Protein backbone atom coordinates (compact mmCIF):
# COMPACT_ATOMS: atom_id res chain seq x y z
CA MET A 1 -2.56 -6.43 20.55
CA ARG A 2 1.06 -5.34 20.64
CA HIS A 3 3.13 -3.60 17.97
CA PHE A 4 6.88 -3.38 17.70
CA VAL A 5 7.66 -0.78 15.04
CA PRO A 6 8.24 2.65 16.63
CA LEU A 7 8.34 5.60 14.26
CA CYS A 8 10.64 8.44 15.28
CA LEU A 9 10.16 12.07 14.36
CA LEU A 10 13.52 13.79 14.38
CA VAL A 11 12.22 17.13 15.51
CA ALA A 12 13.41 19.39 18.31
CA SER A 13 11.84 22.64 19.45
CA LEU A 14 14.16 25.49 20.43
CA ALA A 15 13.37 28.46 22.69
CA VAL A 16 15.66 31.44 23.09
CA LEU A 17 15.49 33.35 26.41
CA ALA A 18 17.18 36.72 26.88
CA SER A 19 17.98 38.50 30.16
CA CYS A 20 19.39 41.98 30.80
CA GLY A 21 21.73 42.99 33.65
CA GLY A 22 21.62 46.29 35.60
CA GLY A 23 23.99 49.20 35.20
CA GLY A 24 24.53 48.53 31.53
CA THR A 25 23.28 46.37 28.77
CA SER A 26 24.36 42.78 28.64
CA SER A 27 22.67 39.83 27.04
CA GLU A 28 22.89 36.16 27.82
CA THR A 29 21.22 33.64 25.51
CA THR A 30 20.12 30.33 26.95
CA LEU A 31 19.26 27.52 24.53
CA VAL A 32 16.44 25.38 25.86
CA VAL A 33 16.04 22.12 23.96
CA HIS A 34 12.72 20.35 24.45
CA PRO A 35 12.66 16.62 23.86
CA ALA A 36 10.59 15.36 20.94
CA MET A 37 8.22 12.46 21.35
CA SER A 38 6.39 10.19 18.89
CA SER A 39 4.41 6.98 19.15
CA TYR A 40 3.55 3.81 17.31
CA PRO A 41 0.73 3.56 16.69
CA SER A 42 -0.54 7.12 16.55
CA ASN A 43 -4.09 5.82 15.97
CA ALA A 44 -5.52 2.33 16.48
CA PHE A 45 -8.65 0.20 16.53
CA VAL A 46 -9.28 -1.67 19.80
CA GLY A 47 -11.99 -4.17 20.65
CA LEU A 48 -14.38 -3.63 23.55
CA GLY A 49 -12.40 -4.30 26.73
CA GLY A 50 -9.28 -5.02 24.67
CA THR A 51 -5.79 -3.62 25.13
CA GLU A 52 -3.38 -1.71 22.94
CA VAL A 53 0.30 -1.22 23.74
CA ILE A 54 1.68 2.11 22.52
CA LEU A 55 5.47 2.39 22.16
CA VAL A 56 6.91 5.87 22.63
CA SER A 57 10.12 7.16 21.04
CA PHE A 58 12.14 10.09 22.36
CA VAL A 59 14.71 12.43 20.87
CA GLY A 60 16.67 14.85 23.03
CA THR A 61 16.45 13.12 26.41
CA ASN A 62 17.48 9.87 28.07
CA ASN A 63 14.55 10.11 30.46
CA THR A 64 11.84 8.01 28.82
CA SER A 65 9.42 8.04 31.74
CA ILE A 66 5.91 9.18 30.90
CA THR A 67 2.58 9.99 32.47
CA CYS A 68 -0.74 9.54 30.76
CA SER A 69 -4.40 10.39 31.02
CA ILE A 70 -7.55 9.79 29.04
CA GLN A 71 -9.23 12.89 27.73
CA GLU A 72 -12.69 11.41 28.26
CA GLY A 73 -11.91 10.44 31.87
CA SER A 74 -12.95 7.13 33.38
CA LEU A 75 -15.59 6.66 30.66
CA GLY A 76 -12.73 6.26 28.17
CA GLY A 77 -11.15 3.20 29.78
CA SER A 78 -7.85 3.13 31.65
CA ALA A 79 -4.15 3.53 30.93
CA ASP A 80 -0.99 2.19 32.55
CA CYS A 81 2.15 4.25 31.93
CA SER A 82 4.30 2.78 34.71
CA GLN A 83 6.80 1.36 32.20
CA PRO A 84 9.27 3.73 30.49
CA ALA A 85 8.42 4.54 26.87
CA GLN A 86 5.31 2.38 26.94
CA ALA A 87 1.62 3.00 27.54
CA THR A 88 -0.98 0.25 27.82
CA PHE A 89 -4.53 1.31 27.04
CA THR A 90 -7.45 -0.82 28.19
CA ALA A 91 -10.62 -0.06 26.29
CA PRO A 92 -13.96 0.55 27.98
CA ALA A 93 -17.02 -1.61 27.37
CA THR A 94 -18.63 1.19 25.35
CA ALA A 95 -17.79 1.77 21.69
CA GLY A 96 -16.52 5.20 20.74
CA THR A 97 -13.48 7.33 19.95
CA TYR A 98 -11.14 8.04 22.86
CA HIS A 99 -7.93 10.01 23.25
CA LEU A 100 -4.90 8.94 25.29
CA ILE A 101 -2.67 11.87 26.23
CA ILE A 102 0.97 10.89 26.88
CA THR A 103 3.28 13.42 28.56
CA SER A 104 7.04 13.41 29.00
CA GLN A 105 8.20 13.42 32.63
CA ALA A 106 11.45 15.03 31.50
CA ASP A 107 9.51 18.00 30.13
CA PRO A 108 5.79 18.20 31.00
CA THR A 109 5.32 20.76 28.21
CA VAL A 110 5.85 17.98 25.67
CA SER A 111 2.95 15.60 25.03
CA LEU A 112 1.19 13.71 22.27
CA THR A 113 -2.30 12.29 21.76
CA VAL A 114 -3.14 8.80 20.50
CA THR A 115 -6.62 8.38 19.01
CA LEU A 116 -8.23 5.03 19.83
CA ARG A 117 -11.38 3.78 18.09
CA VAL A 118 -13.10 1.23 20.31
CA THR A 119 -15.47 -1.04 18.38
CA SER A 120 -17.47 -4.20 18.98
CA GLY A 121 -15.45 -6.02 16.32
CA VAL A 122 -11.80 -5.53 15.36
CA GLY A 123 -10.49 -7.07 12.15
CA LYS A 124 -8.03 -9.94 12.23
CA PHE A 125 -5.91 -12.01 9.85
CA VAL A 126 -6.20 -15.80 9.76
CA PRO A 127 -4.35 -18.31 7.54
CA THR A 128 -6.30 -19.74 4.64
CA THR A 129 -7.39 -23.36 5.06
CA GLY A 130 -5.07 -24.56 2.32
CA LEU A 131 -1.61 -23.51 1.18
CA PRO A 132 -1.05 -22.09 -2.30
CA VAL A 133 -0.13 -24.79 -4.81
CA THR A 134 3.04 -22.84 -5.59
CA GLY A 135 4.71 -20.41 -3.22
CA ARG A 136 4.90 -17.21 -5.25
CA PHE A 137 6.89 -14.11 -4.50
CA LYS A 138 7.00 -10.80 -6.37
CA CYS A 139 5.48 -9.87 -9.70
CA HIS A 140 2.53 -12.28 -9.76
CA THR A 141 -1.06 -11.19 -10.35
CA ALA A 142 -4.31 -11.90 -8.51
CA THR A 143 -7.65 -11.33 -10.25
CA LEU A 144 -11.16 -11.78 -8.87
CA LEU A 145 -13.30 -13.93 -11.19
CA PRO A 146 -17.09 -13.60 -11.67
CA ASN A 147 -17.65 -16.83 -9.70
CA GLY A 148 -15.91 -15.35 -6.64
CA MET A 149 -12.72 -17.32 -7.09
CA VAL A 150 -9.30 -15.67 -7.51
CA LEU A 151 -6.89 -16.40 -10.38
CA ILE A 152 -3.22 -16.17 -9.33
CA ALA A 153 -0.78 -16.26 -12.24
CA GLY A 154 2.95 -16.14 -12.90
CA GLY A 155 5.51 -14.49 -10.64
CA GLY A 156 8.62 -15.99 -9.08
CA SER A 157 8.75 -19.37 -7.38
CA VAL A 158 9.69 -19.60 -3.71
CA LEU A 159 10.77 -23.22 -4.06
CA SER A 160 12.63 -23.06 -7.39
CA GLY A 161 15.29 -20.48 -6.76
CA GLY A 162 13.17 -17.59 -7.93
CA ALA A 163 12.38 -19.10 -11.35
CA ILE A 164 9.74 -17.15 -13.26
CA LEU A 165 6.56 -19.18 -13.54
CA ALA A 166 4.06 -19.90 -16.30
CA SER A 167 1.82 -21.78 -13.87
CA ALA A 168 -1.45 -20.48 -12.44
CA GLU A 169 -3.84 -21.49 -9.69
CA VAL A 170 -7.28 -20.58 -8.41
CA TYR A 171 -8.31 -19.81 -4.82
CA ASN A 172 -11.78 -21.05 -3.85
CA PRO A 173 -13.16 -18.98 -0.93
CA THR A 174 -15.86 -21.58 -0.23
CA THR A 175 -13.33 -24.32 0.55
CA GLY A 176 -10.38 -22.09 1.44
CA MET A 177 -8.24 -24.18 -0.92
CA PHE A 178 -5.93 -23.38 -3.85
CA VAL A 179 -6.19 -25.56 -6.97
CA ALA A 180 -3.92 -25.64 -10.00
CA THR A 181 -5.43 -24.48 -13.29
CA GLY A 182 -4.13 -24.20 -16.86
CA THR A 183 -0.60 -23.00 -17.61
CA MET A 184 0.13 -19.74 -19.39
CA ASN A 185 1.88 -19.88 -22.76
CA ASN A 186 4.74 -17.77 -21.39
CA PRO A 187 6.39 -17.49 -17.98
CA ARG A 188 5.64 -13.96 -16.78
CA CYS A 189 6.77 -11.51 -14.12
CA ASP A 190 5.49 -7.92 -13.70
CA HIS A 191 2.62 -8.53 -16.14
CA THR A 192 -1.00 -7.42 -15.82
CA ALA A 193 -4.15 -9.54 -15.55
CA ILE A 194 -7.53 -7.86 -15.77
CA LEU A 195 -11.09 -9.18 -15.82
CA LEU A 196 -13.01 -8.47 -19.03
CA PRO A 197 -16.79 -7.89 -19.24
CA ASN A 198 -17.27 -11.40 -20.70
CA GLY A 199 -15.68 -13.03 -17.65
CA GLU A 200 -12.36 -13.88 -19.28
CA VAL A 201 -9.03 -12.48 -18.04
CA LEU A 202 -6.60 -10.57 -20.25
CA VAL A 203 -2.97 -11.35 -19.32
CA ALA A 204 -0.50 -9.04 -21.03
CA GLY A 205 3.20 -8.25 -21.15
CA GLY A 206 5.62 -8.61 -18.28
CA SER A 207 9.13 -10.02 -18.47
CA ASP A 208 10.31 -13.57 -19.14
CA ALA A 209 12.73 -15.75 -17.19
CA SER A 210 15.69 -13.82 -18.65
CA GLY A 211 14.23 -10.42 -17.83
CA ASN A 212 13.30 -9.68 -21.45
CA PRO A 213 10.09 -7.67 -21.90
CA LEU A 214 7.14 -9.45 -23.47
CA SER A 215 4.71 -8.14 -26.07
CA SER A 216 2.66 -11.34 -25.96
CA ALA A 217 -0.81 -11.57 -24.44
CA GLU A 218 -3.29 -14.34 -23.67
CA LEU A 219 -6.82 -14.91 -22.44
CA TYR A 220 -7.79 -17.08 -19.49
CA ASP A 221 -11.19 -18.75 -19.73
CA PRO A 222 -12.38 -19.65 -16.21
CA GLY A 223 -15.07 -21.92 -17.65
CA ILE A 224 -12.51 -24.41 -18.96
CA GLY A 225 -9.40 -23.28 -17.08
CA THR A 226 -7.16 -22.66 -20.09
CA PHE A 227 -5.05 -19.85 -21.55
CA THR A 228 -5.21 -18.96 -25.26
CA SER A 229 -2.60 -16.84 -27.06
CA LEU A 230 -3.62 -13.52 -28.63
CA SER A 231 -2.00 -11.16 -31.08
CA SER A 232 0.82 -9.16 -29.52
CA MET A 233 0.83 -5.69 -28.04
CA ALA A 234 2.36 -2.88 -30.08
CA THR A 235 5.12 -2.47 -27.46
CA PRO A 236 6.81 -5.08 -25.24
CA ARG A 237 6.26 -3.74 -21.72
CA ALA A 238 6.53 -4.76 -18.05
CA ARG A 239 5.51 -2.92 -14.88
CA HIS A 240 2.80 -1.14 -16.85
CA THR A 241 -0.84 -0.63 -15.90
CA ALA A 242 -3.94 -2.24 -17.39
CA THR A 243 -7.30 -0.56 -16.79
CA LEU A 244 -10.79 -1.64 -17.84
CA LEU A 245 -12.65 1.30 -19.40
CA GLY A 246 -16.37 1.89 -19.39
CA ASN A 247 -16.59 0.96 -23.08
CA GLY A 248 -15.20 -2.51 -22.36
CA LYS A 249 -11.76 -1.84 -23.81
CA VAL A 250 -8.54 -2.08 -21.77
CA LEU A 251 -6.01 0.74 -21.52
CA LEU A 252 -2.38 -0.45 -21.20
CA ALA A 253 -0.05 2.41 -20.33
CA GLY A 254 3.62 3.05 -19.64
CA GLY A 255 5.93 0.40 -18.29
CA ASN A 256 9.53 -0.39 -19.03
CA ALA A 257 11.87 -2.69 -20.91
CA GLY A 258 15.52 -3.67 -20.69
CA THR A 259 18.13 -3.54 -17.95
CA GLY A 260 21.25 -1.50 -17.27
CA SER A 261 22.18 0.85 -20.10
CA SER A 262 19.27 -0.43 -22.19
CA PHE A 263 16.67 0.32 -19.51
CA THR A 264 13.82 2.32 -21.05
CA VAL A 265 10.58 3.64 -19.58
CA PHE A 266 7.71 4.24 -21.99
CA ASN A 267 5.25 7.08 -22.45
CA THR A 268 3.23 5.05 -24.95
CA ALA A 269 -0.19 3.50 -24.46
CA GLU A 270 -2.48 1.12 -26.33
CA LEU A 271 -6.01 -0.24 -26.20
CA PHE A 272 -7.16 -3.85 -26.27
CA ASP A 273 -10.57 -4.44 -27.85
CA PRO A 274 -12.18 -7.67 -26.60
CA GLY A 275 -14.51 -7.62 -29.60
CA THR A 276 -11.65 -7.99 -32.08
CA SER A 277 -8.88 -9.24 -29.73
CA ILE A 278 -6.62 -6.59 -31.30
CA PHE A 279 -4.28 -4.04 -29.67
CA THR A 280 -4.17 -0.54 -31.18
CA THR A 281 -2.18 2.50 -30.11
CA THR A 282 -3.78 5.50 -28.44
CA GLY A 283 -2.42 8.88 -27.32
CA ASN A 284 0.90 9.14 -25.50
CA LEU A 285 1.28 9.87 -21.80
CA THR A 286 2.58 13.29 -20.80
CA ALA A 287 5.49 11.55 -19.03
CA ALA A 288 7.20 8.15 -19.22
CA ARG A 289 6.12 6.03 -16.22
CA GLY A 290 6.93 2.65 -14.70
CA GLU A 291 5.41 1.18 -11.51
CA HIS A 292 2.85 3.97 -11.55
CA THR A 293 -0.84 3.59 -10.79
CA ALA A 294 -3.99 3.92 -12.89
CA THR A 295 -7.41 4.42 -11.31
CA VAL A 296 -10.78 4.69 -13.03
CA LEU A 297 -12.65 7.75 -11.76
CA GLN A 298 -16.41 7.83 -11.29
CA ASP A 299 -16.83 9.76 -14.54
CA GLY A 300 -14.97 7.06 -16.52
CA ARG A 301 -11.71 8.93 -16.97
CA VAL A 302 -8.45 7.37 -15.72
CA LEU A 303 -6.05 8.98 -13.24
CA LEU A 304 -2.38 8.00 -13.62
CA THR A 305 0.03 8.98 -10.83
CA GLY A 306 3.75 8.91 -10.14
CA GLY A 307 5.97 6.03 -11.15
CA TYR A 308 9.66 6.18 -11.93
CA ASP A 309 11.19 7.75 -15.02
CA ASN A 310 14.24 6.46 -16.92
CA ASN A 311 16.06 6.37 -13.59
CA PRO A 312 14.19 3.73 -11.54
CA ALA A 313 15.29 5.48 -8.33
CA ASN A 314 13.32 8.61 -9.24
CA GLY A 315 9.70 8.66 -8.17
CA GLN A 316 7.63 11.38 -9.81
CA VAL A 317 5.12 13.84 -8.38
CA SER A 318 3.30 14.41 -11.66
CA ALA A 319 -0.09 12.97 -12.56
CA GLU A 320 -2.30 12.94 -15.64
CA ILE A 321 -5.77 11.93 -16.79
CA TYR A 322 -6.75 9.78 -19.76
CA ASP A 323 -10.03 10.61 -21.45
CA PRO A 324 -11.45 7.58 -23.31
CA ALA A 325 -13.66 9.86 -25.40
CA SER A 326 -10.71 11.71 -26.94
CA GLY A 327 -8.02 9.07 -26.47
CA GLN A 328 -5.72 11.74 -25.02
CA PHE A 329 -3.73 12.19 -21.82
CA THR A 330 -3.74 15.57 -20.07
CA ALA A 331 -1.61 16.71 -17.15
CA THR A 332 -3.40 17.40 -13.87
CA GLY A 333 -2.26 18.66 -10.46
CA SER A 334 0.92 17.25 -8.91
CA MET A 335 1.31 15.24 -5.72
CA ALA A 336 3.28 16.62 -2.78
CA THR A 337 5.44 13.48 -2.48
CA PRO A 338 7.40 11.70 -5.26
CA ARG A 339 5.98 8.18 -5.56
CA ALA A 340 6.43 4.82 -7.28
CA PHE A 341 5.49 1.33 -6.11
CA HIS A 342 2.66 3.13 -4.34
CA THR A 343 -1.11 2.64 -4.24
CA THR A 344 -4.16 4.60 -5.36
CA THR A 345 -7.69 3.69 -4.28
CA LEU A 346 -11.01 5.12 -5.43
CA LEU A 347 -13.12 6.10 -2.42
CA GLN A 348 -16.91 6.02 -2.30
CA ASN A 349 -16.98 9.84 -2.30
CA GLY A 350 -15.21 9.90 -5.68
CA LYS A 351 -11.83 11.04 -4.37
CA VAL A 352 -8.67 8.93 -4.73
CA LEU A 353 -6.47 7.96 -1.77
CA VAL A 354 -2.71 7.86 -2.50
CA THR A 355 -0.33 6.00 -0.16
CA GLY A 356 3.24 4.70 -0.22
CA ALA A 357 6.53 6.06 -1.53
CA LEU A 358 9.49 4.88 -3.61
CA ASN A 359 12.26 5.94 -1.22
CA LEU A 360 11.93 4.59 2.33
CA LEU A 361 13.91 7.48 3.73
CA ILE A 362 12.19 10.20 1.73
CA THR A 363 10.81 13.09 3.72
CA GLY A 364 7.08 12.61 4.06
CA GLY A 365 7.08 8.96 3.00
CA GLU A 366 4.37 8.21 5.57
CA LYS A 367 2.17 10.97 4.20
CA ALA A 368 -0.99 10.23 2.24
CA GLU A 369 -2.87 12.44 -0.19
CA LEU A 370 -6.34 12.75 -1.71
CA PHE A 371 -7.00 13.56 -5.35
CA ASP A 372 -10.18 15.51 -6.01
CA PRO A 373 -11.31 15.04 -9.62
CA THR A 374 -13.66 18.03 -9.42
CA ASN A 375 -10.73 20.46 -9.34
CA GLY A 376 -7.80 18.24 -10.37
CA THR A 377 -5.77 18.79 -7.20
CA PHE A 378 -4.09 16.72 -4.51
CA SER A 379 -4.42 17.64 -0.84
CA PRO A 380 -2.98 16.09 2.33
CA THR A 381 -4.94 13.75 4.55
CA GLY A 382 -3.88 11.93 7.73
CA ASN A 383 -0.46 10.27 7.93
CA MET A 384 0.01 6.53 7.93
CA ASN A 385 1.44 5.09 11.14
CA VAL A 386 4.60 3.96 9.31
CA VAL A 387 6.36 4.71 6.04
CA ARG A 388 5.43 2.02 3.50
CA PHE A 389 7.14 1.03 0.24
CA PHE A 390 5.29 -1.43 -2.05
CA PRO A 391 2.25 -1.98 0.20
CA ALA A 392 -1.18 -3.14 -0.95
CA ALA A 393 -4.39 -1.12 -0.58
CA THR A 394 -7.84 -2.70 -0.69
CA PRO A 395 -11.18 -0.84 -0.54
CA LEU A 396 -13.59 -2.50 1.91
CA ALA A 397 -17.37 -2.72 1.69
CA ASN A 398 -17.77 -0.19 4.54
CA GLY A 399 -15.85 2.48 2.61
CA GLN A 400 -12.63 2.15 4.58
CA VAL A 401 -9.33 1.14 2.93
CA LEU A 402 -7.12 -1.68 4.23
CA ILE A 403 -3.38 -0.94 3.86
CA THR A 404 -1.15 -4.00 4.32
CA GLY A 405 2.57 -4.63 4.58
CA GLY A 406 5.28 -2.94 2.60
CA LEU A 407 8.78 -2.05 3.68
CA SER A 408 9.23 0.36 6.59
CA ALA A 409 11.92 3.00 6.86
CA GLY A 410 15.49 2.25 7.92
CA GLY A 411 17.67 -0.80 8.42
CA GLY A 412 17.80 -3.97 6.36
CA ILE A 413 15.09 -5.49 4.21
CA PHE A 414 14.30 -8.43 6.44
CA VAL A 415 14.08 -6.49 9.70
CA ASN A 416 11.70 -3.98 8.17
CA SER A 417 9.45 -6.05 5.93
CA ASP A 418 6.18 -5.34 7.62
CA ARG A 419 3.45 -7.54 9.09
CA SER A 420 1.47 -4.51 10.13
CA ALA A 421 -1.77 -3.24 8.64
CA GLU A 422 -3.90 -0.16 9.07
CA LEU A 423 -7.29 1.13 8.02
CA TYR A 424 -7.97 4.48 6.42
CA ASP A 425 -11.24 6.03 7.54
CA PRO A 426 -12.45 8.61 4.97
CA ALA A 427 -14.87 10.15 7.48
CA SER A 428 -12.09 11.20 9.87
CA GLY A 429 -9.19 11.27 7.39
CA LEU A 430 -7.12 9.15 9.80
CA PHE A 431 -5.25 5.83 9.57
CA TYR A 432 -5.86 3.40 12.43
CA VAL A 433 -3.63 0.41 13.15
CA THR A 434 -5.46 -2.91 13.03
CA ALA A 435 -4.31 -6.51 13.56
CA ASN A 436 -0.99 -7.77 12.19
CA MET A 437 -0.77 -10.21 9.31
CA ASN A 438 0.64 -13.66 10.00
CA ARG A 439 3.54 -13.10 7.61
CA ILE A 440 5.70 -10.14 6.67
CA ARG A 441 4.86 -9.04 3.16
CA PHE A 442 5.64 -6.45 0.53
CA GLY A 443 4.92 -6.57 -3.18
CA HIS A 444 2.00 -8.87 -2.32
CA ARG A 445 -1.59 -8.88 -3.61
CA ALA A 446 -4.71 -8.20 -1.51
CA ILE A 447 -8.08 -8.87 -3.14
CA LEU A 448 -11.54 -8.08 -1.74
CA LEU A 449 -13.73 -11.19 -1.91
CA PRO A 450 -17.53 -11.14 -2.39
CA ASP A 451 -18.13 -11.99 1.30
CA GLY A 452 -16.23 -8.86 2.41
CA THR A 453 -13.04 -10.65 3.48
CA VAL A 454 -9.66 -9.94 1.86
CA LEU A 455 -7.29 -12.56 0.42
CA VAL A 456 -3.61 -11.60 0.93
CA VAL A 457 -1.15 -13.70 -1.05
CA GLY A 458 2.54 -13.61 -1.96
CA ASP A 459 5.51 -11.48 -0.99
CA GLU A 460 8.55 -9.80 -2.49
CA ILE A 461 11.20 -12.22 -1.23
CA GLU A 462 14.85 -11.28 -1.54
CA SER A 463 17.91 -13.52 -1.43
CA GLY A 464 18.68 -14.75 2.06
CA LYS A 465 15.09 -15.13 3.19
CA PRO A 466 14.29 -18.75 4.11
CA THR A 467 13.01 -21.05 1.36
CA GLY A 468 9.25 -21.30 1.42
CA PHE A 469 9.07 -18.38 3.83
CA ASN A 470 5.87 -16.97 2.42
CA ASP A 471 4.05 -19.91 0.86
CA GLU A 472 1.08 -19.20 3.13
CA ALA A 473 -1.82 -16.85 2.44
CA ASP A 474 -3.88 -14.75 4.84
CA LEU A 475 -7.54 -13.84 5.03
CA TYR A 476 -8.49 -10.52 6.59
CA LEU A 477 -11.78 -10.71 8.47
CA PRO A 478 -13.18 -7.18 9.00
């Protein structure tokens, strides 16, 4: 498969050489500038006998000719580097990990290595059999139901000028079709929808069609396909998190309300009790957060990371942990990169993978981190192949994590909305490019289905993008 999103590293290496003349002391300094070279992808999955095109970017030279070799020799397949700034790898018939070494002809001291995982099966994206009933972009929710179906609720309409929706629909993985279900009591955007232990779905908060924050909440009953209003939350909030705790209650934390001068980000939190259908306040966060993440750890505590503060352009590095036993939030170690609109994913080893950044041009926006709950610290892991803003991350049954879409660094929104996807491998700590999605997406939802496939639905569509552009959904087949 071929990829078209080169990632440049603006790095140059400088060497200073000194020489001395005879009969006296004189010094002449020569500045030697070595070209810098980077590739997309830097790691990739390839099927047995398949091909992968690697695009190479240069800084500091106009000579883009390259040579290449395979570290494992002829057993590692073959490579064609006859085209400038491009290497084509052909995988061998034997599965394994191979290394393509690409060297600059302008300066043979400059090279890079692309890691290629050759497997008997490489994941792919295929369109779902049916189209969504309503094309939805941005701020909708997708929730896996106990019967294996997926509830998709609210968000903005592709076909109605971005109108905020009260409608909902259900995806049936057996038929591949989307079917309309009951309508919510309020149109909602940037709300939360979380599965309760009894099989119902709690839908809470968000903003209405005018952008006003909502304190209302409702329950979806998949048995009869209807929504029922509940008592309200203590605080109207949108872009908050909702997390199911081990005791069956739901923690709703942070979020924001208002626009312009009235924009406010909250440090408050509350608990929903399914037994009483009542919201009650709990301890306050250590920092106000919006578009942060909340992840249940293996010991039942909840890790909250990043998010913006009262300036929505400011991602935060701080993180904290909520303890359901005490009802209190406590600061923990900080991330290396400020983040909001990012992802956190619990790995099978108990650590938490953090990807994505708020600012596309931020230094280190392609970097990922791991949180270790045993010592409360974040540490670096492998870099993603591209910077991603507002991607989706989905844990797979094999322990890997599928990262899809998002915005990539530089340029305009539409050029850089991303079709690409990559897989994080916890064993190696590396991200490997996999197949592209059929649509460019960011702000979408990606849900693991019981059969191991992933449903990818929706997109953050901005003005100027064609009507109905993303009314299709994808299935990822591992």
